[in-house]
Amino acid sequence: MKAAITLLFILAFHTPQIALASGGRGDASNVRIIRVEQVSGDALAHEVSVNEERLIRVVALAANGRYLVVVRSNIGVTRMKGAYLDSLLAVPDGTFSYYHPNGRIESTGSYVKGVKSGTWERYDMNGHALATRTYSGEQLDDLLATEGVIEKAGQAGQQRGVRVTQRDRRWSVPMDL
Protein backbone atom coordinates (compact mmCIF):
# COMPACT_ATOMS: atom_id res chain seq x y z
CA MET A 1 0.00 0.00 0.00
CA LYS A 2 2.82 2.39 0.93
CA ALA A 3 4.52 1.76 -2.45
CA ALA A 4 1.28 2.57 -4.30
CA ILE A 5 0.86 5.84 -2.39
CA THR A 6 4.48 6.76 -3.10
CA LEU A 7 4.02 6.05 -6.81
CA LEU A 8 0.85 8.15 -6.96
CA PHE A 9 2.67 10.99 -5.17
CA ILE A 10 5.56 10.82 -7.63
CA LEU A 11 3.30 10.80 -10.67
CA ALA A 12 1.11 13.63 -9.41
CA PHE A 13 3.98 15.76 -8.19
CA HIS A 14 6.53 15.20 -10.94
CA THR A 15 4.56 14.94 -14.19
CA PRO A 16 3.89 18.72 -14.40
CA GLN A 17 7.57 19.35 -13.62
CA ILE A 18 8.63 16.96 -16.38
CA ALA A 19 6.50 18.96 -18.81
CA LEU A 20 8.24 22.15 -17.69
CA ALA A 21 11.67 20.54 -18.09
CA SER A 22 11.07 20.46 -21.82
CA GLY A 23 11.91 24.15 -21.98
CA GLY A 24 8.93 25.02 -24.13
CA ARG A 25 10.23 23.05 -27.11
CA GLY A 26 7.21 20.82 -27.39
CA ASP A 27 9.11 17.90 -25.84
CA ALA A 28 6.46 17.37 -23.19
CA SER A 29 3.92 15.83 -25.53
CA ASN A 30 3.65 12.12 -24.96
CA VAL A 31 6.26 11.73 -22.21
CA ARG A 32 6.70 8.45 -20.38
CA ILE A 33 8.37 8.25 -16.96
CA ILE A 34 11.06 5.61 -17.28
CA ARG A 35 12.71 5.75 -13.86
CA VAL A 36 12.54 7.35 -10.45
CA GLU A 37 15.66 7.15 -8.32
CA GLN A 38 17.15 8.54 -5.17
CA VAL A 39 20.39 10.38 -5.89
CA SER A 40 23.01 12.36 -4.01
CA GLY A 41 23.81 16.06 -4.35
CA ASP A 42 26.23 15.37 -7.21
CA ALA A 43 23.20 14.63 -9.40
CA LEU A 44 22.77 18.39 -9.69
CA ALA A 45 26.17 18.51 -11.41
CA HIS A 46 26.06 22.24 -10.95
CA GLU A 47 25.98 22.82 -7.24
CA VAL A 48 26.99 20.57 -4.38
CA SER A 49 24.30 20.04 -1.81
CA VAL A 50 25.62 21.42 1.47
CA ASN A 51 23.29 19.67 3.86
CA GLU A 52 23.39 16.26 2.14
CA GLU A 53 19.67 16.45 1.39
CA ARG A 54 18.15 13.41 -0.23
CA LEU A 55 17.18 14.05 -3.80
CA ILE A 56 14.77 12.23 -6.08
CA ARG A 57 15.43 12.27 -9.82
CA VAL A 58 12.57 11.56 -12.21
CA VAL A 59 13.58 10.71 -15.77
CA ALA A 60 11.03 10.70 -18.57
CA LEU A 61 11.45 9.82 -22.21
CA ALA A 62 9.86 12.30 -24.60
CA ALA A 63 8.43 11.37 -27.99
CA ASN A 64 11.40 13.04 -29.68
CA GLY A 65 13.91 10.78 -27.87
CA ARG A 66 15.14 13.35 -25.34
CA TYR A 67 15.36 12.48 -21.66
CA LEU A 68 13.56 15.04 -19.51
CA VAL A 69 14.79 15.24 -15.92
CA VAL A 70 13.50 16.85 -12.76
CA VAL A 71 15.43 16.62 -9.48
CA ARG A 72 13.49 17.38 -6.30
CA SER A 73 14.48 17.32 -2.65
CA ASN A 74 12.86 14.94 -0.20
CA ILE A 75 10.72 17.84 1.03
CA GLY A 76 9.40 18.56 -2.48
CA VAL A 77 11.57 21.52 -3.54
CA THR A 78 12.57 21.43 -7.22
CA ARG A 79 16.37 21.61 -7.49
CA MET A 80 16.94 21.11 -11.24
CA LYS A 81 15.02 20.83 -14.52
CA GLY A 82 16.50 20.05 -17.91
CA ALA A 83 16.80 17.62 -20.82
CA TYR A 84 19.52 15.24 -21.96
CA LEU A 85 20.31 13.59 -25.26
CA ASP A 86 21.29 10.23 -23.73
CA SER A 87 19.86 7.77 -21.23
CA LEU A 88 23.00 8.00 -19.06
CA LEU A 89 22.24 11.72 -18.56
CA ALA A 90 25.75 12.67 -19.63
CA VAL A 91 24.95 15.12 -22.46
CA PRO A 92 22.71 18.00 -21.38
CA ASP A 93 20.93 19.79 -24.22
CA GLY A 94 18.49 22.67 -24.04
CA THR A 95 17.39 25.02 -21.28
CA PHE A 96 18.37 24.09 -17.72
CA SER A 97 17.23 25.64 -14.46
CA TYR A 98 18.91 25.08 -11.10
CA TYR A 99 17.33 26.07 -7.80
CA HIS A 100 18.64 26.92 -4.34
CA PRO A 101 17.51 24.66 -1.44
CA ASN A 102 14.88 27.30 -0.58
CA GLY A 103 13.27 26.84 -4.02
CA ARG A 104 14.39 30.15 -5.54
CA ILE A 105 16.08 30.11 -8.92
CA GLU A 106 19.87 29.76 -8.67
CA SER A 107 20.78 29.85 -12.37
CA THR A 108 19.31 29.29 -15.78
CA GLY A 109 20.87 28.88 -19.19
CA SER A 110 21.31 26.57 -22.15
CA TYR A 111 23.47 23.64 -23.12
CA VAL A 112 24.11 22.64 -26.70
CA LYS A 113 25.21 19.00 -26.98
CA GLY A 114 26.79 19.05 -23.52
CA VAL A 115 28.44 22.47 -23.67
CA LYS A 116 27.22 25.65 -21.99
CA SER A 117 26.12 28.15 -24.58
CA GLY A 118 24.74 31.66 -24.56
CA THR A 119 23.98 33.75 -21.50
CA TRP A 120 23.58 32.12 -18.08
CA GLU A 121 21.75 34.15 -15.46
CA ARG A 122 22.56 33.61 -11.77
CA TYR A 123 20.76 34.63 -8.58
CA ASP A 124 21.57 34.59 -4.88
CA MET A 125 19.50 32.81 -2.23
CA ASN A 126 17.25 35.88 -1.89
CA GLY A 127 16.50 36.11 -5.61
CA HIS A 128 18.77 39.08 -6.36
CA ALA A 129 20.49 38.97 -9.74
CA LEU A 130 24.21 38.20 -9.79
CA ALA A 131 26.62 38.66 -12.67
CA THR A 132 25.66 36.86 -15.87
CA ARG A 133 28.09 34.89 -17.95
CA THR A 134 28.01 34.43 -21.70
CA TYR A 135 29.48 31.23 -23.09
CA SER A 136 30.78 30.73 -26.61
CA GLY A 137 29.22 27.29 -27.02
CA GLU A 138 32.56 25.84 -28.03
CA GLN A 139 34.39 23.18 -26.05
CA LEU A 140 37.59 24.29 -24.39
CA ASP A 141 39.66 21.86 -26.44
CA ASP A 142 38.22 23.24 -29.69
CA LEU A 143 39.16 26.78 -28.70
CA LEU A 144 42.62 25.75 -27.57
CA ALA A 145 43.18 23.73 -30.75
CA THR A 146 42.43 26.75 -32.94
CA GLU A 147 45.16 28.62 -31.08
CA GLY A 148 47.55 25.65 -31.26
CA VAL A 149 47.75 25.51 -27.46
CA ILE A 150 47.06 21.76 -27.19
CA GLU A 151 49.73 20.88 -29.74
CA LYS A 152 52.25 23.20 -28.06
CA ALA A 153 51.45 21.68 -24.66
CA GLY A 154 51.84 18.19 -26.09
CA GLN A 155 55.19 19.04 -27.65
CA ALA A 156 56.45 20.67 -24.45
CA GLY A 157 55.22 17.71 -22.42
CA GLN A 158 56.94 15.21 -24.71
CA GLN A 159 60.22 17.09 -24.30
CA ARG A 160 59.85 16.56 -20.56
CA GLY A 161 58.70 12.94 -20.94
CA VAL A 162 55.01 13.67 -20.23
CA ARG A 163 52.16 12.70 -22.56
CA VAL A 164 49.04 14.86 -22.90
CA THR A 165 46.13 12.46 -23.39
CA GLN A 166 42.94 14.06 -22.06
CA ARG A 167 41.02 15.63 -24.93
CA ASP A 168 37.31 15.24 -24.19
CA ARG A 169 36.43 17.92 -21.65
CA ARG A 170 32.88 19.24 -21.94
CA TRP A 171 33.70 22.71 -20.74
CA SER A 172 32.75 25.89 -22.41
CA VAL A 173 34.83 28.99 -22.13
CA PRO A 174 33.23 32.27 -21.04
CA MET A 175 33.56 34.79 -23.83
CA ASP A 176 35.00 37.44 -21.51
CA LEU A 177 38.41 35.66 -21.30
C-alpha atoms as a PDB file:
ATOM      1  CA  MET A   1       0.000   0.000   0.000  1.00  0.00           C
ATOM      2  CA  LYS A   2       2.822   2.385   0.928  1.00  0.00           C
ATOM      3  CA  ALA A   3       4.516   1.759  -2.447  1.00  0.00           C
ATOM      4  CA  ALA A   4       1.282   2.569  -4.301  1.00  0.00           C
ATOM      5  CA  ILE A   5       0.864   5.839  -2.390  1.00  0.00           C
ATOM      6  CA  THR A   6       4.479   6.758  -3.101  1.00  0.00           C
ATOM      7  CA  LEU A   7       4.020   6.051  -6.810  1.00  0.00           C
ATOM      8  CA  LEU A   8       0.847   8.152  -6.960  1.00  0.00           C
ATOM      9  CA  PHE A   9       2.667  10.987  -5.166  1.00  0.00           C
ATOM     10  CA  ILE A  10       5.559  10.824  -7.629  1.00  0.00           C
ATOM     11  CA  LEU A  11       3.296  10.800 -10.670  1.00  0.00           C
ATOM     12  CA  ALA A  12       1.105  13.629  -9.413  1.00  0.00           C
ATOM     13  CA  PHE A  13       3.976  15.757  -8.192  1.00  0.00           C
ATOM     14  CA  HIS A  14       6.529  15.204 -10.943  1.00  0.00           C
ATOM     15  CA  THR A  15       4.562  14.944 -14.189  1.00  0.00           C
ATOM     16  CA  PRO A  16       3.888  18.722 -14.401  1.00  0.00           C
ATOM     17  CA  GLN A  17       7.566  19.351 -13.625  1.00  0.00           C
ATOM     18  CA  ILE A  18       8.627  16.961 -16.384  1.00  0.00           C
ATOM     19  CA  ALA A  19       6.496  18.961 -18.809  1.00  0.00           C
ATOM     20  CA  LEU A  20       8.237  22.149 -17.686  1.00  0.00           C
ATOM     21  CA  ALA A  21      11.670  20.538 -18.090  1.00  0.00           C
ATOM     22  CA  SER A  22      11.072  20.459 -21.825  1.00  0.00           C
ATOM     23  CA  GLY A  23      11.915  24.149 -21.980  1.00  0.00           C
ATOM     24  CA  GLY A  24       8.930  25.016 -24.131  1.00  0.00           C
ATOM     25  CA  ARG A  25      10.227  23.048 -27.114  1.00  0.00           C
ATOM     26  CA  GLY A  26       7.208  20.820 -27.393  1.00  0.00           C
ATOM     27  CA  ASP A  27       9.113  17.905 -25.839  1.00  0.00           C
ATOM     28  CA  ALA A  28       6.461  17.366 -23.185  1.00  0.00           C
ATOM     29  CA  SER A  29       3.925  15.832 -25.532  1.00  0.00           C
ATOM     30  CA  ASN A  30       3.647  12.117 -24.958  1.00  0.00           C
ATOM     31  CA  VAL A  31       6.265  11.727 -22.212  1.00  0.00           C
ATOM     32  CA  ARG A  32       6.702   8.451 -20.376  1.00  0.00           C
ATOM     33  CA  ILE A  33       8.366   8.250 -16.958  1.00  0.00           C
ATOM     34  CA  ILE A  34      11.063   5.614 -17.284  1.00  0.00           C
ATOM     35  CA  ARG A  35      12.708   5.755 -13.859  1.00  0.00           C
ATOM     36  CA  VAL A  36      12.545   7.354 -10.452  1.00  0.00           C
ATOM     37  CA  GLU A  37      15.661   7.153  -8.319  1.00  0.00           C
ATOM     38  CA  GLN A  38      17.148   8.535  -5.166  1.00  0.00           C
ATOM     39  CA  VAL A  39      20.390  10.379  -5.891  1.00  0.00           C
ATOM     40  CA  SER A  40      23.014  12.358  -4.005  1.00  0.00           C
ATOM     41  CA  GLY A  41      23.809  16.057  -4.350  1.00  0.00           C
ATOM     42  CA  ASP A  42      26.226  15.365  -7.206  1.00  0.00           C
ATOM     43  CA  ALA A  43      23.202  14.634  -9.404  1.00  0.00           C
ATOM     44  CA  LEU A  44      22.765  18.386  -9.689  1.00  0.00           C
ATOM     45  CA  ALA A  45      26.169  18.508 -11.407  1.00  0.00           C
ATOM     46  CA  HIS A  46      26.061  22.244 -10.946  1.00  0.00           C
ATOM     47  CA  GLU A  47      25.977  22.820  -7.239  1.00  0.00           C
ATOM     48  CA  VAL A  48      26.993  20.572  -4.379  1.00  0.00           C
ATOM     49  CA  SER A  49      24.299  20.038  -1.808  1.00  0.00           C
ATOM     50  CA  VAL A  50      25.623  21.424   1.466  1.00  0.00           C
ATOM     51  CA  ASN A  51      23.285  19.666   3.861  1.00  0.00           C
ATOM     52  CA  GLU A  52      23.387  16.258   2.141  1.00  0.00           C
ATOM     53  CA  GLU A  53      19.674  16.446   1.389  1.00  0.00           C
ATOM     54  CA  ARG A  54      18.153  13.408  -0.227  1.00  0.00           C
ATOM     55  CA  LEU A  55      17.183  14.046  -3.800  1.00  0.00           C
ATOM     56  CA  ILE A  56      14.775  12.230  -6.080  1.00  0.00           C
ATOM     57  CA  ARG A  57      15.427  12.265  -9.818  1.00  0.00           C
ATOM     58  CA  VAL A  58      12.575  11.561 -12.213  1.00  0.00           C
ATOM     59  CA  VAL A  59      13.582  10.709 -15.768  1.00  0.00           C
ATOM     60  CA  ALA A  60      11.033  10.702 -18.566  1.00  0.00           C
ATOM     61  CA  LEU A  61      11.449   9.816 -22.205  1.00  0.00           C
ATOM     62  CA  ALA A  62       9.861  12.297 -24.601  1.00  0.00           C
ATOM     63  CA  ALA A  63       8.425  11.366 -27.987  1.00  0.00           C
ATOM     64  CA  ASN A  64      11.398  13.035 -29.676  1.00  0.00           C
ATOM     65  CA  GLY A  65      13.906  10.782 -27.865  1.00  0.00           C
ATOM     66  CA  ARG A  66      15.141  13.351 -25.337  1.00  0.00           C
ATOM     67  CA  TYR A  67      15.361  12.480 -21.661  1.00  0.00           C
ATOM     68  CA  LEU A  68      13.555  15.042 -19.512  1.00  0.00           C
ATOM     69  CA  VAL A  69      14.788  15.238 -15.924  1.00  0.00           C
ATOM     70  CA  VAL A  70      13.501  16.852 -12.758  1.00  0.00           C
ATOM     71  CA  VAL A  71      15.426  16.618  -9.483  1.00  0.00           C
ATOM     72  CA  ARG A  72      13.487  17.382  -6.302  1.00  0.00           C
ATOM     73  CA  SER A  73      14.475  17.320  -2.649  1.00  0.00           C
ATOM     74  CA  ASN A  74      12.862  14.937  -0.200  1.00  0.00           C
ATOM     75  CA  ILE A  75      10.723  17.844   1.029  1.00  0.00           C
ATOM     76  CA  GLY A  76       9.395  18.560  -2.477  1.00  0.00           C
ATOM     77  CA  VAL A  77      11.572  21.516  -3.542  1.00  0.00           C
ATOM     78  CA  THR A  78      12.569  21.433  -7.216  1.00  0.00           C
ATOM     79  CA  ARG A  79      16.374  21.614  -7.493  1.00  0.00           C
ATOM     80  CA  MET A  80      16.944  21.113 -11.245  1.00  0.00           C
ATOM     81  CA  LYS A  81      15.020  20.832 -14.521  1.00  0.00           C
ATOM     82  CA  GLY A  82      16.497  20.045 -17.910  1.00  0.00           C
ATOM     83  CA  ALA A  83      16.802  17.617 -20.820  1.00  0.00           C
ATOM     84  CA  TYR A  84      19.515  15.242 -21.964  1.00  0.00           C
ATOM     85  CA  LEU A  85      20.313  13.587 -25.263  1.00  0.00           C
ATOM     86  CA  ASP A  86      21.291  10.233 -23.729  1.00  0.00           C
ATOM     87  CA  SER A  87      19.863   7.765 -21.226  1.00  0.00           C
ATOM     88  CA  LEU A  88      23.002   7.997 -19.055  1.00  0.00           C
ATOM     89  CA  LEU A  89      22.245  11.717 -18.563  1.00  0.00           C
ATOM     90  CA  ALA A  90      25.751  12.670 -19.628  1.00  0.00           C
ATOM     91  CA  VAL A  91      24.954  15.119 -22.456  1.00  0.00           C
ATOM     92  CA  PRO A  92      22.714  18.001 -21.381  1.00  0.00           C
ATOM     93  CA  ASP A  93      20.933  19.790 -24.216  1.00  0.00           C
ATOM     94  CA  GLY A  94      18.485  22.669 -24.037  1.00  0.00           C
ATOM     95  CA  THR A  95      17.395  25.025 -21.276  1.00  0.00           C
ATOM     96  CA  PHE A  96      18.373  24.092 -17.718  1.00  0.00           C
ATOM     97  CA  SER A  97      17.234  25.643 -14.465  1.00  0.00           C
ATOM     98  CA  TYR A  98      18.911  25.084 -11.104  1.00  0.00           C
ATOM     99  CA  TYR A  99      17.335  26.074  -7.803  1.00  0.00           C
ATOM    100  CA  HIS A 100      18.636  26.922  -4.337  1.00  0.00           C
ATOM    101  CA  PRO A 101      17.507  24.663  -1.442  1.00  0.00           C
ATOM    102  CA  ASN A 102      14.875  27.296  -0.581  1.00  0.00           C
ATOM    103  CA  GLY A 103      13.270  26.837  -4.025  1.00  0.00           C
ATOM    104  CA  ARG A 104      14.395  30.146  -5.543  1.00  0.00           C
ATOM    105  CA  ILE A 105      16.081  30.115  -8.924  1.00  0.00           C
ATOM    106  CA  GLU A 106      19.873  29.757  -8.668  1.00  0.00           C
ATOM    107  CA  SER A 107      20.778  29.846 -12.368  1.00  0.00           C
ATOM    108  CA  THR A 108      19.307  29.287 -15.778  1.00  0.00           C
ATOM    109  CA  GLY A 109      20.872  28.883 -19.187  1.00  0.00           C
ATOM    110  CA  SER A 110      21.313  26.570 -22.151  1.00  0.00           C
ATOM    111  CA  TYR A 111      23.472  23.643 -23.117  1.00  0.00           C
ATOM    112  CA  VAL A 112      24.112  22.640 -26.702  1.00  0.00           C
ATOM    113  CA  LYS A 113      25.210  19.004 -26.976  1.00  0.00           C
ATOM    114  CA  GLY A 114      26.794  19.048 -23.524  1.00  0.00           C
ATOM    115  CA  VAL A 115      28.444  22.471 -23.673  1.00  0.00           C
ATOM    116  CA  LYS A 116      27.219  25.650 -21.987  1.00  0.00           C
ATOM    117  CA  SER A 117      26.116  28.149 -24.585  1.00  0.00           C
ATOM    118  CA  GLY A 118      24.740  31.661 -24.564  1.00  0.00           C
ATOM    119  CA  THR A 119      23.977  33.748 -21.497  1.00  0.00           C
ATOM    120  CA  TRP A 120      23.578  32.120 -18.080  1.00  0.00           C
ATOM    121  CA  GLU A 121      21.755  34.152 -15.457  1.00  0.00           C
ATOM    122  CA  ARG A 122      22.564  33.607 -11.772  1.00  0.00           C
ATOM    123  CA  TYR A 123      20.760  34.634  -8.581  1.00  0.00           C
ATOM    124  CA  ASP A 124      21.573  34.590  -4.882  1.00  0.00           C
ATOM    125  CA  MET A 125      19.496  32.807  -2.228  1.00  0.00           C
ATOM    126  CA  ASN A 126      17.247  35.876  -1.889  1.00  0.00           C
ATOM    127  CA  GLY A 127      16.495  36.110  -5.606  1.00  0.00           C
ATOM    128  CA  HIS A 128      18.770  39.083  -6.361  1.00  0.00           C
ATOM    129  CA  ALA A 129      20.492  38.967  -9.739  1.00  0.00           C
ATOM    130  CA  LEU A 130      24.207  38.203  -9.789  1.00  0.00           C
ATOM    131  CA  ALA A 131      26.619  38.660 -12.668  1.00  0.00           C
ATOM    132  CA  THR A 132      25.664  36.864 -15.869  1.00  0.00           C
ATOM    133  CA  ARG A 133      28.095  34.888 -17.951  1.00  0.00           C
ATOM    134  CA  THR A 134      28.013  34.434 -21.700  1.00  0.00           C
ATOM    135  CA  TYR A 135      29.477  31.229 -23.091  1.00  0.00           C
ATOM    136  CA  SER A 136      30.780  30.727 -26.614  1.00  0.00           C
ATOM    137  CA  GLY A 137      29.217  27.288 -27.024  1.00  0.00           C
ATOM    138  CA  GLU A 138      32.558  25.835 -28.032  1.00  0.00           C
ATOM    139  CA  GLN A 139      34.386  23.185 -26.053  1.00  0.00           C
ATOM    140  CA  LEU A 140      37.594  24.294 -24.386  1.00  0.00           C
ATOM    141  CA  ASP A 141      39.664  21.858 -26.442  1.00  0.00           C
ATOM    142  CA  ASP A 142      38.221  23.244 -29.694  1.00  0.00           C
ATOM    143  CA  LEU A 143      39.164  26.785 -28.698  1.00  0.00           C
ATOM    144  CA  LEU A 144      42.620  25.750 -27.571  1.00  0.00           C
ATOM    145  CA  ALA A 145      43.182  23.727 -30.746  1.00  0.00           C
ATOM    146  CA  THR A 146      42.427  26.751 -32.937  1.00  0.00           C
ATOM    147  CA  GLU A 147      45.159  28.618 -31.078  1.00  0.00           C
ATOM    148  CA  GLY A 148      47.554  25.646 -31.255  1.00  0.00           C
ATOM    149  CA  VAL A 149      47.751  25.506 -27.458  1.00  0.00           C
ATOM    150  CA  ILE A 150      47.064  21.762 -27.193  1.00  0.00           C
ATOM    151  CA  GLU A 151      49.725  20.879 -29.736  1.00  0.00           C
ATOM    152  CA  LYS A 152      52.248  23.198 -28.064  1.00  0.00           C
ATOM    153  CA  ALA A 153      51.446  21.680 -24.662  1.00  0.00           C
ATOM    154  CA  GLY A 154      51.843  18.192 -26.093  1.00  0.00           C
ATOM    155  CA  GLN A 155      55.195  19.039 -27.653  1.00  0.00           C
ATOM    156  CA  ALA A 156      56.446  20.670 -24.451  1.00  0.00           C
ATOM    157  CA  GLY A 157      55.217  17.710 -22.419  1.00  0.00           C
ATOM    158  CA  GLN A 158      56.943  15.213 -24.714  1.00  0.00           C
ATOM    159  CA  GLN A 159      60.220  17.087 -24.304  1.00  0.00           C
ATOM    160  CA  ARG A 160      59.853  16.559 -20.557  1.00  0.00           C
ATOM    161  CA  GLY A 161      58.695  12.943 -20.935  1.00  0.00           C
ATOM    162  CA  VAL A 162      55.006  13.666 -20.226  1.00  0.00           C
ATOM    163  CA  ARG A 163      52.156  12.700 -22.561  1.00  0.00           C
ATOM    164  CA  VAL A 164      49.045  14.862 -22.900  1.00  0.00           C
ATOM    165  CA  THR A 165      46.129  12.464 -23.391  1.00  0.00           C
ATOM    166  CA  GLN A 166      42.937  14.060 -22.057  1.00  0.00           C
ATOM    167  CA  ARG A 167      41.018  15.634 -24.926  1.00  0.00           C
ATOM    168  CA  ASP A 168      37.309  15.239 -24.187  1.00  0.00           C
ATOM    169  CA  ARG A 169      36.430  17.918 -21.649  1.00  0.00           C
ATOM    170  CA  ARG A 170      32.884  19.238 -21.937  1.00  0.00           C
ATOM    171  CA  TRP A 171      33.705  22.706 -20.745  1.00  0.00           C
ATOM    172  CA  SER A 172      32.755  25.891 -22.407  1.00  0.00           C
ATOM    173  CA  VAL A 173      34.826  28.993 -22.131  1.00  0.00           C
ATOM    174  CA  PRO A 174      33.228  32.274 -21.044  1.00  0.00           C
ATOM    175  CA  MET A 175      33.558  34.794 -23.833  1.00  0.00           C
ATOM    176  CA  ASP A 176      35.003  37.436 -21.512  1.00  0.00           C
ATOM    177  CA  LEU A 177      38.411  35.656 -21.297  1.00  0.00           C
END
